[in-house]
C-alpha atoms as a PDB file:
ATOM      1  CA  MET A   1      87.924  84.907  87.850  1.00  0.00           C
ATOM      2  CA  GLN A   2      86.278  86.564  84.856  1.00  0.00           C
ATOM      3  CA  ILE A   3      88.650  89.161  83.472  1.00  0.00           C
ATOM      4  CA  ALA A   4      88.017  91.120  80.312  1.00  0.00           C
ATOM      5  CA  GLN A   5      90.939  91.369  77.970  1.00  0.00           C
ATOM      6  CA  PRO A   6      90.743  94.677  76.089  1.00  0.00           C
ATOM      7  CA  ASN A   7      90.621  94.596  72.323  1.00  0.00           C
ATOM      8  CA  MET A   8      93.885  95.473  70.663  1.00  0.00           C
ATOM      9  CA  PRO A   9      93.663  99.120  69.551  1.00  0.00           C
ATOM     10  CA  SER A  10      94.593 100.184  66.053  1.00  0.00           C
ATOM     11  CA  PRO A  11      98.086 101.667  65.618  1.00  0.00           C
ATOM     12  CA  LYS A  12      96.532 105.149  65.601  1.00  0.00           C
ATOM     13  CA  ASP A  13      94.559 104.517  68.790  1.00  0.00           C
ATOM     14  CA  ALA A  14      97.569 102.890  70.409  1.00  0.00           C
ATOM     15  CA  ALA A  15      99.614 106.015  69.706  1.00  0.00           C
ATOM     16  CA  LYS A  16      96.939 108.143  71.376  1.00  0.00           C
ATOM     17  CA  ALA A  17      96.836 105.836  74.399  1.00  0.00           C
ATOM     18  CA  MET A  18     100.566 106.318  74.922  1.00  0.00           C
ATOM     19  CA  GLN A  19     100.041 110.038  75.454  1.00  0.00           C
ATOM     20  CA  GLY A  20      98.943 111.825  78.617  1.00  0.00           C
ATOM     21  CA  GLY A  21     100.805 109.768  81.191  1.00  0.00           C
ATOM     22  CA  LEU A  22     102.471 111.030  84.362  1.00  0.00           C
ATOM     23  CA  SER A  23     105.556 113.068  83.499  1.00  0.00           C
ATOM     24  CA  GLU A  24     107.458 111.843  86.572  1.00  0.00           C
ATOM     25  CA  PRO A  25     105.751 108.542  87.405  1.00  0.00           C
ATOM     26  CA  THR A  26     107.930 107.551  90.352  1.00  0.00           C
ATOM     27  CA  LEU A  27     107.749 110.887  92.157  1.00  0.00           C
ATOM     28  CA  GLN A  28     104.053 111.404  91.467  1.00  0.00           C
ATOM     29  CA  THR A  29     102.954 107.935  92.476  1.00  0.00           C
ATOM     30  CA  GLN A  30     105.007 108.104  95.677  1.00  0.00           C
ATOM     31  CA  ARG A  31     103.369 111.417  96.576  1.00  0.00           C
ATOM     32  CA  ILE A  32      99.876 110.178  95.722  1.00  0.00           C
ATOM     33  CA  PHE A  33     100.401 106.933  97.636  1.00  0.00           C
ATOM     34  CA  ARG A  34     101.389 108.860 100.763  1.00  0.00           C
ATOM     35  CA  ALA A  35      98.328 111.081 100.395  1.00  0.00           C
ATOM     36  CA  ILE A  36      96.009 108.070 100.093  1.00  0.00           C
ATOM     37  CA  MET A  37      97.551 106.273 103.057  1.00  0.00           C
ATOM     38  CA  ASP A  38      97.269 109.398 105.207  1.00  0.00           C
ATOM     39  CA  ALA A  39      93.675 109.975 104.111  1.00  0.00           C
ATOM     40  CA  MET A  40      92.770 106.360 104.952  1.00  0.00           C
ATOM     41  CA  ALA A  41      94.434 106.610 108.356  1.00  0.00           C
ATOM     42  CA  ARG A  42      92.631 109.894 109.083  1.00  0.00           C
ATOM     43  CA  PRO A  43      89.137 109.493 107.599  1.00  0.00           C
ATOM     44  CA  GLY A  44      87.545 112.702 106.372  1.00  0.00           C
ATOM     45  CA  THR A  45      90.877 114.473 105.967  1.00  0.00           C
ATOM     46  CA  ILE A  46      91.051 116.228 102.614  1.00  0.00           C
ATOM     47  CA  LYS A  47      94.436 115.854 100.963  1.00  0.00           C
ATOM     48  CA  PRO A  48      95.204 118.345  98.168  1.00  0.00           C
ATOM     49  CA  THR A  49      96.707 116.255  95.390  1.00  0.00           C
ATOM     50  CA  LYS A  50      97.817 117.249  91.912  1.00  0.00           C
ATOM     51  CA  THR A  51      98.820 115.376  88.785  1.00  0.00           C
ATOM     52  CA  ASP A  52      99.779 116.251  85.251  1.00  0.00           C
ATOM     53  CA  ALA A  53      98.204 113.095  83.836  1.00  0.00           C
ATOM     54  CA  LYS A  54      95.957 113.757  80.842  1.00  0.00           C
ATOM     55  CA  PRO A  55      93.723 110.738  80.257  1.00  0.00           C
ATOM     56  CA  PRO A  56      90.910 110.837  77.682  1.00  0.00           C
ATOM     57  CA  SER A  57      87.761 112.796  78.367  1.00  0.00           C
ATOM     58  CA  GLY A  58      85.497 111.024  80.840  1.00  0.00           C
ATOM     59  CA  LEU A  59      88.254 109.846  83.169  1.00  0.00           C
ATOM     60  CA  CYS A  60      89.231 112.315  85.882  1.00  0.00           C
ATOM     61  CA  PRO A  61      93.007 112.947  85.595  1.00  0.00           C
ATOM     62  CA  LEU A  62      93.538 112.409  89.308  1.00  0.00           C
ATOM     63  CA  ILE A  63      91.651 109.107  89.168  1.00  0.00           C
ATOM     64  CA  GLY A  64      93.950 108.062  86.357  1.00  0.00           C
ATOM     65  CA  ALA A  65      96.911 108.922  88.566  1.00  0.00           C
ATOM     66  CA  VAL A  66      95.410 107.105  91.568  1.00  0.00           C
ATOM     67  CA  LEU A  67      94.968 103.967  89.457  1.00  0.00           C
ATOM     68  CA  ALA A  68      98.529 104.290  88.161  1.00  0.00           C
ATOM     69  CA  THR A  69      99.612 104.436  91.812  1.00  0.00           C
ATOM     70  CA  LEU A  70      97.559 101.574  93.254  1.00  0.00           C
ATOM     71  CA  ALA A  71      96.703  99.136  90.470  1.00  0.00           C
ATOM     72  CA  ASP A  72      98.850  96.662  88.592  1.00  0.00           C
ATOM     73  CA  ALA A  73      98.596  93.434  86.620  1.00  0.00           C
ATOM     74  CA  ASP A  74      97.300  91.550  89.673  1.00  0.00           C
ATOM     75  CA  THR A  75      94.507  93.972  90.637  1.00  0.00           C
ATOM     76  CA  PRO A  76      91.470  93.855  88.304  1.00  0.00           C
ATOM     77  CA  ILE A  77      89.626  97.118  87.733  1.00  0.00           C
ATOM     78  CA  TRP A  78      85.876  97.408  87.242  1.00  0.00           C
ATOM     79  CA  LEU A  79      84.645 100.461  85.339  1.00  0.00           C
ATOM     80  CA  ASP A  80      81.116 101.830  85.388  1.00  0.00           C
ATOM     81  CA  GLU A  81      79.090 101.920  82.181  1.00  0.00           C
ATOM     82  CA  GLY A  82      80.194 105.385  81.132  1.00  0.00           C
ATOM     83  CA  LEU A  83      83.875 104.432  81.286  1.00  0.00           C
ATOM     84  CA  LYS A  84      83.955 100.830  80.099  1.00  0.00           C
ATOM     85  CA  THR A  85      82.147 101.752  76.885  1.00  0.00           C
ATOM     86  CA  THR A  86      84.735 104.419  76.054  1.00  0.00           C
ATOM     87  CA  PRO A  87      87.561 102.693  74.163  1.00  0.00           C
ATOM     88  CA  ALA A  88      89.939 105.639  74.561  1.00  0.00           C
ATOM     89  CA  VAL A  89      89.669 105.308  78.349  1.00  0.00           C
ATOM     90  CA  THR A  90      90.243 101.552  78.433  1.00  0.00           C
ATOM     91  CA  ASP A  91      93.149 101.889  75.987  1.00  0.00           C
ATOM     92  CA  TRP A  92      94.745 104.573  78.160  1.00  0.00           C
ATOM     93  CA  LEU A  93      94.357 102.503  81.326  1.00  0.00           C
ATOM     94  CA  THR A  94      95.724  99.416  79.604  1.00  0.00           C
ATOM     95  CA  PHE A  95      98.856 101.266  78.539  1.00  0.00           C
ATOM     96  CA  HIS A  96      99.511 103.425  81.609  1.00  0.00           C
ATOM     97  CA  VAL A  97      98.202 101.178  84.405  1.00  0.00           C
ATOM     98  CA  GLY A  98      98.483  97.662  82.994  1.00  0.00           C
ATOM     99  CA  ALA A  99      95.682  96.197  85.103  1.00  0.00           C
ATOM    100  CA  PRO A 100      93.076  93.796  83.663  1.00  0.00           C
ATOM    101  CA  PHE A 101      89.390  94.686  83.642  1.00  0.00           C
ATOM    102  CA  ALA A 102      86.915  92.792  85.806  1.00  0.00           C
ATOM    103  CA  VAL A 103      83.663  91.830  84.088  1.00  0.00           C
ATOM    104  CA  GLU A 104      81.820  91.540  87.400  1.00  0.00           C
ATOM    105  CA  PRO A 105      82.109  94.122  90.200  1.00  0.00           C
ATOM    106  CA  ALA A 106      82.505  91.337  92.767  1.00  0.00           C
ATOM    107  CA  ARG A 107      85.758  90.326  91.028  1.00  0.00           C
ATOM    108  CA  ALA A 108      87.345  93.761  91.175  1.00  0.00           C
ATOM    109  CA  THR A 109      90.125  94.989  93.432  1.00  0.00           C
ATOM    110  CA  PHE A 110      89.333  98.563  92.408  1.00  0.00           C
ATOM    111  CA  ALA A 111      86.079  99.953  91.030  1.00  0.00           C
ATOM    112  CA  VAL A 112      85.852 103.339  89.327  1.00  0.00           C
ATOM    113  CA  LEU A 113      82.560 105.217  89.449  1.00  0.00           C
ATOM    114  CA  SER A 114      82.418 108.328  87.312  1.00  0.00           C
ATOM    115  CA  ASP A 115      78.940 109.452  88.420  1.00  0.00           C
ATOM    116  CA  ALA A 116      78.650 109.849  92.195  1.00  0.00           C
ATOM    117  CA  GLN A 117      74.912 110.449  91.937  1.00  0.00           C
ATOM    118  CA  LYS A 118      74.336 106.961  90.534  1.00  0.00           C
ATOM    119  CA  ILE A 119      76.354 104.711  92.810  1.00  0.00           C
ATOM    120  CA  ALA A 120      75.435 101.067  92.552  1.00  0.00           C
ATOM    121  CA  SER A 121      74.550  99.188  95.725  1.00  0.00           C
ATOM    122  CA  LEU A 122      77.768  98.692  97.663  1.00  0.00           C
ATOM    123  CA  ASP A 123      77.078  95.018  98.279  1.00  0.00           C
ATOM    124  CA  ILE A 124      77.577  94.100  94.610  1.00  0.00           C
ATOM    125  CA  PHE A 125      81.318  94.627  95.062  1.00  0.00           C
ATOM    126  CA  ALA A 126      83.726  92.194  96.694  1.00  0.00           C
ATOM    127  CA  GLN A 127      83.155  92.317 100.463  1.00  0.00           C
ATOM    128  CA  GLY A 128      86.128  90.258 101.577  1.00  0.00           C
ATOM    129  CA  GLN A 129      85.862  87.252 103.876  1.00  0.00           C
ATOM    130  CA  GLN A 130      85.719  87.033 107.653  1.00  0.00           C
ATOM    131  CA  ASP A 131      89.261  85.640 107.721  1.00  0.00           C
ATOM    132  CA  TYR A 132      90.467  87.766 104.796  1.00  0.00           C
ATOM    133  CA  PRO A 133      88.617  91.097 104.956  1.00  0.00           C
ATOM    134  CA  ASP A 134      91.255  92.729 102.767  1.00  0.00           C
ATOM    135  CA  ARG A 135      89.973  90.735  99.772  1.00  0.00           C
ATOM    136  CA  SER A 136      87.422  93.420  99.069  1.00  0.00           C
ATOM    137  CA  THR A 137      86.900  96.153  96.515  1.00  0.00           C
ATOM    138  CA  THR A 138      88.107  99.697  97.013  1.00  0.00           C
ATOM    139  CA  LEU A 139      85.727 102.130  95.329  1.00  0.00           C
ATOM    140  CA  ILE A 140      87.253 105.156  93.614  1.00  0.00           C
ATOM    141  CA  ILE A 141      84.447 107.694  93.196  1.00  0.00           C
ATOM    142  CA  ALA A 142      84.717 110.873  91.112  1.00  0.00           C
ATOM    143  CA  VAL A 143      83.183 113.956  92.736  1.00  0.00           C
ATOM    144  CA  ASP A 144      83.191 117.657  91.935  1.00  0.00           C
ATOM    145  CA  ASP A 145      84.147 118.995  95.339  1.00  0.00           C
ATOM    146  CA  LEU A 146      85.285 118.027  98.840  1.00  0.00           C
ATOM    147  CA  CYS A 147      84.980 120.397 101.795  1.00  0.00           C
ATOM    148  CA  MET A 148      85.572 120.242 105.538  1.00  0.00           C
ATOM    149  CA  ASP A 149      82.356 121.996 106.593  1.00  0.00           C
ATOM    150  CA  GLY A 150      79.878 119.568 105.068  1.00  0.00           C
ATOM    151  CA  ASP A 151      76.795 117.808 106.393  1.00  0.00           C
ATOM    152  CA  TRP A 152      78.494 114.527 107.223  1.00  0.00           C
ATOM    153  CA  ILE A 153      79.759 114.097 110.764  1.00  0.00           C
ATOM    154  CA  LEU A 154      82.289 111.276 110.797  1.00  0.00           C
ATOM    155  CA  SER A 155      83.429 109.178 113.734  1.00  0.00           C
ATOM    156  CA  GLY A 156      85.404 106.000 114.248  1.00  0.00           C
ATOM    157  CA  PRO A 157      89.018 104.808 114.261  1.00  0.00           C
ATOM    158  CA  GLY A 158      91.478 107.493 113.161  1.00  0.00           C
ATOM    159  CA  ILE A 159      89.163 110.322 114.267  1.00  0.00           C
ATOM    160  CA  LYS A 160      89.785 111.793 117.741  1.00  0.00           C
ATOM    161  CA  THR A 161      86.159 112.795 118.364  1.00  0.00           C
ATOM    162  CA  THR A 162      84.294 113.731 115.199  1.00  0.00           C
ATOM    163  CA  THR A 163      85.076 115.531 111.978  1.00  0.00           C
ATOM    164  CA  SER A 164      82.891 116.927 109.210  1.00  0.00           C
ATOM    165  CA  LEU A 165      83.074 116.296 105.493  1.00  0.00           C
ATOM    166  CA  GLY A 166      81.147 117.502 102.487  1.00  0.00           C
ATOM    167  CA  VAL A 167      81.040 115.489  99.257  1.00  0.00           C
ATOM    168  CA  THR A 168      79.433 117.015  96.152  1.00  0.00           C
ATOM    169  CA  PRO A 169      77.627 115.461  94.392  1.00  0.00           C
ATOM    170  CA  ILE A 170      76.690 112.192  96.081  1.00  0.00           C
ATOM    171  CA  SER A 171      73.826 109.737  95.717  1.00  0.00           C
ATOM    172  CA  PRO A 172      71.006 110.318  98.234  1.00  0.00           C
ATOM    173  CA  LEU A 173      71.145 106.567  98.864  1.00  0.00           C
ATOM    174  CA  PHE A 174      74.811 106.528  99.793  1.00  0.00           C
ATOM    175  CA  GLN A 175      74.415 107.141 103.516  1.00  0.00           C
ATOM    176  CA  ASP A 176      72.011 104.224 104.008  1.00  0.00           C
ATOM    177  CA  GLN A 177      74.281 102.046 101.875  1.00  0.00           C
ATOM    178  CA  TRP A 178      77.203 103.055 104.070  1.00  0.00           C
ATOM    179  CA  ILE A 179      75.363 102.092 107.255  1.00  0.00           C
ATOM    180  CA  ALA A 180      74.817  98.624 105.769  1.00  0.00           C
ATOM    181  CA  ASN A 181      78.502  98.549 104.864  1.00  0.00           C
ATOM    182  CA  ASN A 182      79.422  99.355 108.485  1.00  0.00           C
ATOM    183  CA  ASN A 183      77.231  96.503 109.660  1.00  0.00           C
ATOM    184  CA  ARG A 184      79.167  93.989 107.562  1.00  0.00           C
ATOM    185  CA  PHE A 185      82.430  94.719 109.397  1.00  0.00           C
ATOM    186  CA  PRO A 186      85.080  93.286 109.227  1.00  0.00           C
ATOM    187  CA  ARG A 187      83.840  92.697 105.697  1.00  0.00           C
ATOM    188  CA  GLY A 188      82.861  95.601 103.470  1.00  0.00           C
ATOM    189  CA  VAL A 189      84.250  98.074 100.975  1.00  0.00           C
ATOM    190  CA  ASP A 190      86.461 101.135 101.424  1.00  0.00           C
ATOM    191  CA  VAL A 191      86.054 104.371  99.456  1.00  0.00           C
ATOM    192  CA  ILE A 192      88.389 106.932  97.947  1.00  0.00           C
ATOM    193  CA  PHE A 193      86.596 110.117  96.902  1.00  0.00           C
ATOM    194  CA  VAL A 194      88.501 111.928  94.157  1.00  0.00           C
ATOM    195  CA  ALA A 195      87.854 115.580  93.306  1.00  0.00           C
ATOM    196  CA  PRO A 196      89.805 117.323  90.522  1.00  0.00           C
ATOM    197  CA  ASP A 197      92.591 118.324  92.911  1.00  0.00           C
ATOM    198  CA  ALA A 198      92.025 116.489  96.198  1.00  0.00           C
ATOM    199  CA  ILE A 199      91.147 113.146  97.766  1.00  0.00           C
ATOM    200  CA  ALA A 200      89.390 111.985 100.936  1.00  0.00           C
ATOM    201  CA  CYS A 201      88.846 108.440 102.171  1.00  0.00           C
ATOM    202  CA  LEU A 202      86.199 106.466 104.029  1.00  0.00           C
ATOM    203  CA  PRO A 203      87.460 103.156 105.408  1.00  0.00           C
ATOM    204  CA  ARG A 204      84.693 100.695 106.289  1.00  0.00           C
ATOM    205  CA  THR A 205      85.114 101.463 110.002  1.00  0.00           C
ATOM    206  CA  THR A 206      84.040 105.098 109.617  1.00  0.00           C
ATOM    207  CA  ARG A 207      80.506 105.996 110.665  1.00  0.00           C
ATOM    208  CA  ILE A 208      78.477 108.815 109.104  1.00  0.00           C
ATOM    209  CA  LYS A 209      75.853 110.972 110.759  1.00  0.00           C
ATOM    210  CA  ASN A 210      74.074 113.652 108.735  1.00  0.00           C
ATOM    211  CA  GLN A 211      73.818 116.812 110.832  1.00  0.00           C
ATOM    212  CA  LYS A 212      70.897 118.084 108.750  1.00  0.00           C
ATOM    213  CA  THR A 213      68.701 115.008 108.972  1.00  0.00           C
ATOM    214  CA  GLY A 214      70.024 113.714 112.263  1.00  0.00           C
ATOM    215  CA  GLY A 215      70.366 110.257 110.711  1.00  0.00           C
ATOM    216  CA  ARG A 216      73.153 107.941 111.746  1.00  0.00           C
END
């Protein structure tokens, strides 16, 4: 597995990286973990979630808290171009999360995408195996807003009939990419959408229909 070892920061940068962590790590991560598990079990449900984490500019504070909750030394993280080229962000994650960085998206347990309008093709990430579908990447995507009266009509396991979800912004290619992701089941990726103060999840079993276009 190709894992990038971050460069050792200078003493000054290291001191900065130590700042901005969760004030009550145990309580916050327990609360965030419960919110994520509930959102995965009930796709499309928006879970208001707060954190006092203060990572460097460019990394959404709640994404920093989500990574501190889910990732560890055994779960490589892949960062998109805007994040991996920001030393303050990688230093902060190294100190507060302790996970290595994956050079290739297919080697990542978690992938962080800071620009939801420019989502890479979902099939470049780890898809899992037929016998081990859990060996796949979970995408953590930063968005500006989540709402319950959006254009997406969701169906599938965990949804009684259908539910609606709005994600702003999002790549116009995402819905077609998600259909292809559905078709790879039981392989495929799962998604955690992270707004400034809320999360919503799309497990690979969830289907999307756009009520405006009528597309699947």
